[in-house]
């Protein structure tokens, strides 16, 4: 340990040593290492940079849920049926002189005018009477965050900030990759919900870990990089949408950066405040 590091007293059975240990102030220890100490800056960079993934998760959705204009593709044998102008959801039955749903015709399917672009609305036929279902992808993500948020702080108090930050982070990456390959809209929604739960968990815990890992003098600067990472996430979502017209490739492009978080397992520190609370002697000295 560096010469200017604070002297953390070893555990001892003596009354004075026990008193000093129990009254060790985490904020004073952090300040003793300097405003820009290596431990503080490492925790700061890690916990704020991953917010890019949160921003990408949120801002990618308007690009992949864009509404599509369908056309009814009828089988050739149905000569008594004819498409309706400006209405791809229904067809006209000339024999019965009535209007029926496109998909009620055996062998009929939707085709889309925007053939150079793919969205989940096209891929999963979220059009006509199912048009509003595309918005569920965003709603269920936020719902997942709402469900887990009351329990995140309790879990981080029990398990520690580090595991409650890293595990949801990796779950987010896996869930997002599965979303990009989802075979059905139901599967997509299930893993969007899981992604919402995990993303909210690592974001909340990361903020706490950051606050507890930097010196008091530095805490007013925490929102600076946090704001930059969110804006960067917004910009990346827009840039990806320009280059990737297929929604699966676009979602994959927004998810792959999460793989860069794997090395964080070896670099993310535990909160000194939590270690002192739980009296983790060996880890405190480390």
Protein backbone atom coordinates (compact mmCIF):
# COMPACT_ATOMS: atom_id res chain seq x y z
CA UNK A 1 0.00 0.00 0.00
CA UNK A 2 1.24 3.46 -0.82
CA UNK A 3 2.94 5.49 1.91
CA UNK A 4 0.19 8.14 1.92
CA UNK A 5 -2.55 5.53 2.35
CA UNK A 6 -4.48 5.61 5.59
CA UNK A 7 -3.54 3.16 8.29
CA UNK A 8 -6.41 0.68 8.57
CA UNK A 9 -6.11 -0.90 11.99
CA UNK A 10 -6.00 -4.69 12.18
CA UNK A 11 -8.69 -6.51 14.07
CA UNK A 12 -7.63 -7.16 17.62
CA UNK A 13 -9.18 -8.19 20.90
CA UNK A 14 -7.91 -5.04 22.57
CA UNK A 15 -10.50 -2.42 23.48
CA UNK A 16 -8.62 0.42 21.72
CA UNK A 17 -8.11 -1.50 18.47
CA UNK A 18 -11.75 -2.54 18.35
CA UNK A 19 -12.85 1.04 18.99
CA UNK A 20 -10.64 2.35 16.15
CA UNK A 21 -11.92 -0.28 13.75
CA UNK A 22 -15.58 0.34 14.50
CA UNK A 23 -15.08 4.09 14.04
CA UNK A 24 -13.19 3.88 10.76
CA UNK A 25 -14.77 6.45 8.43
CA UNK A 26 -15.02 5.28 4.81
CA UNK A 27 -15.25 8.84 3.48
CA UNK A 28 -12.06 9.83 5.29
CA UNK A 29 -10.28 6.76 3.93
CA UNK A 30 -11.34 7.63 0.37
CA UNK A 31 -10.30 11.26 0.80
CA UNK A 32 -6.91 10.13 2.12
CA UNK A 33 -6.22 8.42 -1.19
CA UNK A 34 -6.85 11.71 -2.99
CA UNK A 35 -9.70 13.20 -4.96
CA UNK A 36 -8.59 11.41 -8.13
CA UNK A 37 -7.23 8.19 -6.65
CA UNK A 38 -6.98 5.06 -8.80
CA UNK A 39 -9.67 3.21 -6.84
CA UNK A 40 -12.08 6.13 -7.11
CA UNK A 41 -11.52 6.74 -10.82
CA UNK A 42 -11.81 3.04 -11.67
CA UNK A 43 -15.16 2.75 -9.92
CA UNK A 44 -16.33 6.03 -11.45
CA UNK A 45 -15.45 5.07 -15.03
CA UNK A 46 -16.91 1.57 -14.79
CA UNK A 47 -20.22 2.44 -13.17
CA UNK A 48 -20.96 5.40 -15.42
CA UNK A 49 -19.74 4.06 -18.77
CA UNK A 50 -22.14 1.10 -18.70
CA UNK A 51 -25.07 3.54 -18.70
CA UNK A 52 -24.53 3.62 -22.48
CA UNK A 53 -26.21 0.20 -22.57
CA UNK A 54 -29.25 1.58 -20.71
CA UNK A 55 -29.54 4.49 -23.13
CA UNK A 56 -29.21 2.18 -26.15
CA UNK A 57 -31.90 -0.12 -24.75
CA UNK A 58 -34.31 2.77 -24.48
CA UNK A 59 -33.56 4.73 -27.63
CA UNK A 60 -33.29 1.84 -30.08
CA UNK A 61 -36.98 1.00 -29.75
CA UNK A 62 -38.51 3.83 -31.85
CA UNK A 63 -36.41 2.64 -34.79
CA UNK A 64 -37.42 -1.02 -34.61
CA UNK A 65 -41.11 -0.50 -33.73
CA UNK A 66 -41.84 1.89 -36.59
CA UNK A 67 -45.32 1.27 -37.96
CA UNK A 68 -45.57 -0.45 -41.34
CA UNK A 69 -48.22 -0.14 -44.04
CA UNK A 70 -49.46 -3.62 -44.96
CA UNK A 71 -50.96 -4.95 -48.18
CA UNK A 72 -53.05 -8.10 -48.35
CA UNK A 73 -51.41 -10.76 -50.52
CA UNK A 74 -54.23 -13.05 -51.68
CA UNK A 75 -53.90 -16.57 -53.12
CA UNK A 76 -54.46 -16.66 -56.88
CA UNK A 77 -57.43 -19.05 -56.64
CA UNK A 78 -59.62 -16.55 -54.75
CA UNK A 79 -61.06 -14.76 -57.76
CA UNK A 80 -64.08 -13.49 -55.84
CA UNK A 81 -61.85 -11.50 -53.47
CA UNK A 82 -60.28 -8.17 -54.30
CA UNK A 83 -58.00 -5.82 -52.32
CA UNK A 84 -59.34 -2.54 -51.00
CA UNK A 85 -57.51 0.64 -51.95
CA UNK A 86 -55.66 2.21 -48.99
CA UNK A 87 -56.75 -0.63 -46.71
CA UNK A 88 -54.34 -3.54 -46.52
CA UNK A 89 -56.11 -5.03 -43.53
CA UNK A 90 -59.29 -6.05 -45.34
CA UNK A 91 -60.45 -7.43 -48.67
CA UNK A 92 -63.77 -7.22 -50.49
CA UNK A 93 -65.80 -10.37 -51.13
CA UNK A 94 -67.63 -9.70 -54.39
CA UNK A 95 -69.94 -12.73 -54.02
CA UNK A 96 -71.19 -11.76 -50.57
CA UNK A 97 -70.68 -8.03 -51.15
CA UNK A 98 -68.98 -7.64 -47.79
CA UNK A 99 -65.62 -6.77 -46.28
CA UNK A 100 -63.57 -9.39 -44.43
CA UNK A 101 -60.22 -9.46 -42.63
CA UNK A 102 -57.24 -10.28 -44.81
CA UNK A 103 -55.91 -13.10 -42.63
CA UNK A 104 -59.33 -14.76 -42.43
CA UNK A 105 -58.75 -15.86 -46.03
CA UNK A 106 -56.98 -19.21 -46.22
CA UNK A 107 -53.45 -18.71 -47.56
CA UNK A 108 -53.52 -14.90 -47.38
CA UNK A 109 -50.67 -12.98 -45.78
CA UNK A 110 -49.43 -9.44 -45.28
CA UNK A 111 -46.78 -7.90 -47.47
CA UNK A 112 -45.19 -4.52 -46.90
CA UNK A 113 -44.36 -1.58 -49.10
CA UNK A 114 -41.20 -0.74 -47.15
CA UNK A 115 -39.35 -3.78 -48.52
CA UNK A 116 -35.89 -2.25 -47.93
CA UNK A 117 -36.48 -1.89 -44.20
CA UNK A 118 -37.46 -4.42 -41.56
CA UNK A 119 -39.15 -3.68 -38.22
CA UNK A 120 -40.76 -5.89 -35.60
CA UNK A 121 -44.11 -4.65 -36.88
CA UNK A 122 -43.34 -6.32 -40.22
CA UNK A 123 -41.58 -9.40 -38.88
CA UNK A 124 -44.31 -10.28 -36.38
CA UNK A 125 -47.26 -8.77 -38.33
CA UNK A 126 -48.03 -6.20 -35.64
CA UNK A 127 -50.38 -4.32 -37.93
CA UNK A 128 -54.10 -3.72 -38.32
CA UNK A 129 -55.87 -4.96 -35.16
CA UNK A 130 -52.48 -5.77 -33.58
CA UNK A 131 -50.92 -2.40 -34.40
CA UNK A 132 -50.68 -1.19 -30.79
CA UNK A 133 -48.79 -4.29 -29.64
CA UNK A 134 -45.48 -2.94 -30.94
CA UNK A 135 -45.46 -0.38 -28.13
CA UNK A 136 -45.62 -3.20 -25.56
CA UNK A 137 -41.90 -3.82 -26.15
CA UNK A 138 -41.07 -0.49 -24.50
CA UNK A 139 -43.78 -0.73 -21.85
CA UNK A 140 -42.72 -4.18 -20.66
CA UNK A 141 -39.08 -3.05 -20.40
CA UNK A 142 -40.11 -0.19 -18.11
CA UNK A 143 -42.48 -2.48 -16.22
CA UNK A 144 -39.59 -4.83 -15.50
CA UNK A 145 -37.64 -1.92 -14.04
CA UNK A 146 -40.61 -0.89 -11.91
CA UNK A 147 -41.03 -4.43 -10.53
CA UNK A 148 -37.40 -4.85 -9.45
CA UNK A 149 -36.55 -1.33 -8.25
CA UNK A 150 -38.00 -1.73 -4.69
CA UNK A 151 -35.79 -4.77 -4.08
CA UNK A 152 -32.47 -3.76 -5.62
CA UNK A 153 -31.17 -1.78 -2.65
CA UNK A 154 -32.03 -4.58 -0.21
CA UNK A 155 -30.25 -7.16 -2.37
CA UNK A 156 -27.17 -4.97 -2.69
CA UNK A 157 -27.10 -4.53 1.09
CA UNK A 158 -27.16 -8.31 1.57
CA UNK A 159 -24.98 -9.52 -1.31
CA UNK A 160 -22.76 -6.49 -1.83
CA UNK A 161 -22.67 -3.75 -4.47
CA UNK A 162 -20.26 -5.56 -6.78
CA UNK A 163 -22.25 -8.78 -7.42
CA UNK A 164 -25.55 -6.88 -7.58
CA UNK A 165 -23.96 -4.67 -10.23
CA UNK A 166 -22.15 -7.29 -12.33
CA UNK A 167 -24.69 -10.12 -12.44
CA UNK A 168 -27.58 -7.98 -13.79
CA UNK A 169 -25.13 -6.37 -16.22
CA UNK A 170 -24.29 -9.73 -17.78
CA UNK A 171 -27.95 -10.83 -17.72
CA UNK A 172 -28.77 -7.66 -19.67
CA UNK A 173 -26.22 -8.52 -22.35
CA UNK A 174 -27.53 -12.09 -22.73
CA UNK A 175 -31.20 -11.03 -22.75
CA UNK A 176 -30.54 -8.40 -25.42
CA UNK A 177 -28.74 -10.89 -27.66
CA UNK A 178 -31.68 -13.29 -27.35
CA UNK A 179 -34.10 -10.47 -28.20
CA UNK A 180 -32.25 -9.90 -31.46
CA UNK A 181 -32.81 -13.55 -32.42
CA UNK A 182 -36.31 -13.97 -30.96
CA UNK A 183 -38.41 -16.32 -33.15
CA UNK A 184 -41.74 -14.92 -31.92
CA UNK A 185 -43.00 -11.68 -30.46
CA UNK A 186 -43.86 -13.46 -27.20
CA UNK A 187 -40.23 -14.55 -26.77
CA UNK A 188 -39.12 -11.02 -27.62
CA UNK A 189 -41.38 -9.55 -24.91
CA UNK A 190 -40.24 -12.08 -22.28
CA UNK A 191 -36.59 -11.18 -22.74
CA UNK A 192 -37.36 -7.47 -23.00
CA UNK A 193 -38.92 -7.81 -19.55
CA UNK A 194 -35.83 -9.63 -18.26
CA UNK A 195 -33.66 -6.94 -19.84
CA UNK A 196 -35.71 -4.24 -18.09
CA UNK A 197 -35.30 -5.97 -14.73
CA UNK A 198 -31.55 -6.45 -15.18
CA UNK A 199 -30.84 -3.04 -16.71
CA UNK A 200 -32.58 -1.19 -13.89
CA UNK A 201 -30.74 -3.34 -11.34
CA UNK A 202 -27.23 -2.64 -12.60
CA UNK A 203 -28.02 1.02 -13.19
CA UNK A 204 -29.32 1.61 -9.65
CA UNK A 205 -26.58 -0.41 -7.99
CA UNK A 206 -23.93 1.19 -10.18
CA UNK A 207 -24.98 4.64 -9.04
CA UNK A 208 -24.75 3.58 -5.38
CA UNK A 209 -21.39 1.89 -5.95
CA UNK A 210 -20.09 5.03 -7.62
CA UNK A 211 -21.30 7.30 -4.80
CA UNK A 212 -19.73 5.06 -2.17
CA UNK A 213 -16.43 4.67 -4.01
CA UNK A 214 -15.37 8.26 -4.61
CA UNK A 215 -14.24 10.96 -2.21
CA UNK A 216 -16.74 13.50 -0.92
CA UNK A 217 -14.93 16.24 -2.85
CA UNK A 218 -15.58 14.41 -6.13
CA UNK A 219 -19.25 13.47 -5.77
CA UNK A 220 -20.56 16.69 -7.26
CA UNK A 221 -18.83 15.71 -10.52
CA UNK A 222 -20.49 12.29 -10.79
CA UNK A 223 -23.36 13.46 -13.06
CA UNK A 224 -20.91 14.87 -15.63
CA UNK A 225 -19.75 11.60 -17.18
CA UNK A 226 -23.15 10.04 -16.50
CA UNK A 227 -24.79 12.65 -18.72
CA UNK A 228 -22.16 12.19 -21.42
CA UNK A 229 -22.68 8.41 -21.52
CA UNK A 230 -26.45 8.79 -21.88
CA UNK A 231 -26.04 11.28 -24.73
CA UNK A 232 -23.51 8.96 -26.35
CA UNK A 233 -26.02 6.12 -26.11
CA UNK A 234 -28.64 8.28 -27.83
CA UNK A 235 -26.21 9.18 -30.60
CA UNK A 236 -25.16 5.56 -31.13
CA UNK A 237 -28.78 4.47 -31.45
CA UNK A 238 -29.32 7.04 -34.21
CA UNK A 239 -26.07 6.14 -35.96
CA UNK A 240 -26.82 2.41 -35.88
CA UNK A 241 -30.28 3.03 -37.38
CA UNK A 242 -28.66 4.68 -40.41
CA UNK A 243 -26.44 1.70 -41.20
CA UNK A 244 -28.72 -1.18 -40.22
CA UNK A 245 -32.15 -1.35 -41.87
CA UNK A 246 -33.01 -4.82 -40.60
CA UNK A 247 -34.34 -4.60 -37.05
CA UNK A 248 -32.53 -7.75 -35.94
CA UNK A 249 -29.18 -6.45 -37.10
CA UNK A 250 -29.95 -3.07 -35.54
CA UNK A 251 -30.84 -4.65 -32.20
CA UNK A 252 -27.76 -6.86 -32.40
CA UNK A 253 -25.55 -3.83 -33.09
CA UNK A 254 -26.98 -2.17 -29.97
CA UNK A 255 -26.40 -5.33 -27.91
CA UNK A 256 -22.90 -6.40 -28.99
CA UNK A 257 -21.15 -3.49 -27.16
CA UNK A 258 -22.33 -5.17 -23.97
CA UNK A 259 -19.78 -7.93 -24.56
CA UNK A 260 -17.09 -5.36 -23.79
CA UNK A 261 -18.25 -5.43 -20.17
CA UNK A 262 -16.97 -8.99 -19.61
CA UNK A 263 -13.51 -7.81 -18.36
CA UNK A 264 -15.24 -5.66 -15.73
CA UNK A 265 -15.51 -8.81 -13.62
CA UNK A 266 -11.79 -8.48 -12.85
CA UNK A 267 -11.70 -4.70 -12.44
CA UNK A 268 -14.89 -3.69 -10.61
CA UNK A 269 -14.14 -2.95 -6.92
CA UNK A 270 -16.47 -3.50 -4.00
CA UNK A 271 -17.84 -0.52 -2.09
CA UNK A 272 -15.64 0.43 0.85
CA UNK A 273 -18.74 1.54 2.74
CA UNK A 274 -20.30 -1.91 2.32
CA UNK A 275 -17.07 -3.68 3.30
CA UNK A 276 -16.84 -1.65 6.51
CA UNK A 277 -20.49 -2.31 7.31
CA UNK A 278 -20.00 -6.06 6.87
CA UNK A 279 -16.55 -5.97 8.53
CA UNK A 280 -14.77 -7.66 5.63
CA UNK A 281 -11.28 -7.14 7.08
CA UNK A 282 -9.21 -8.83 4.39
CA UNK A 283 -11.01 -7.12 1.51
CA UNK A 284 -10.78 -3.72 3.20
CA UNK A 285 -6.98 -3.96 3.41
CA UNK A 286 -6.81 -5.19 -0.17
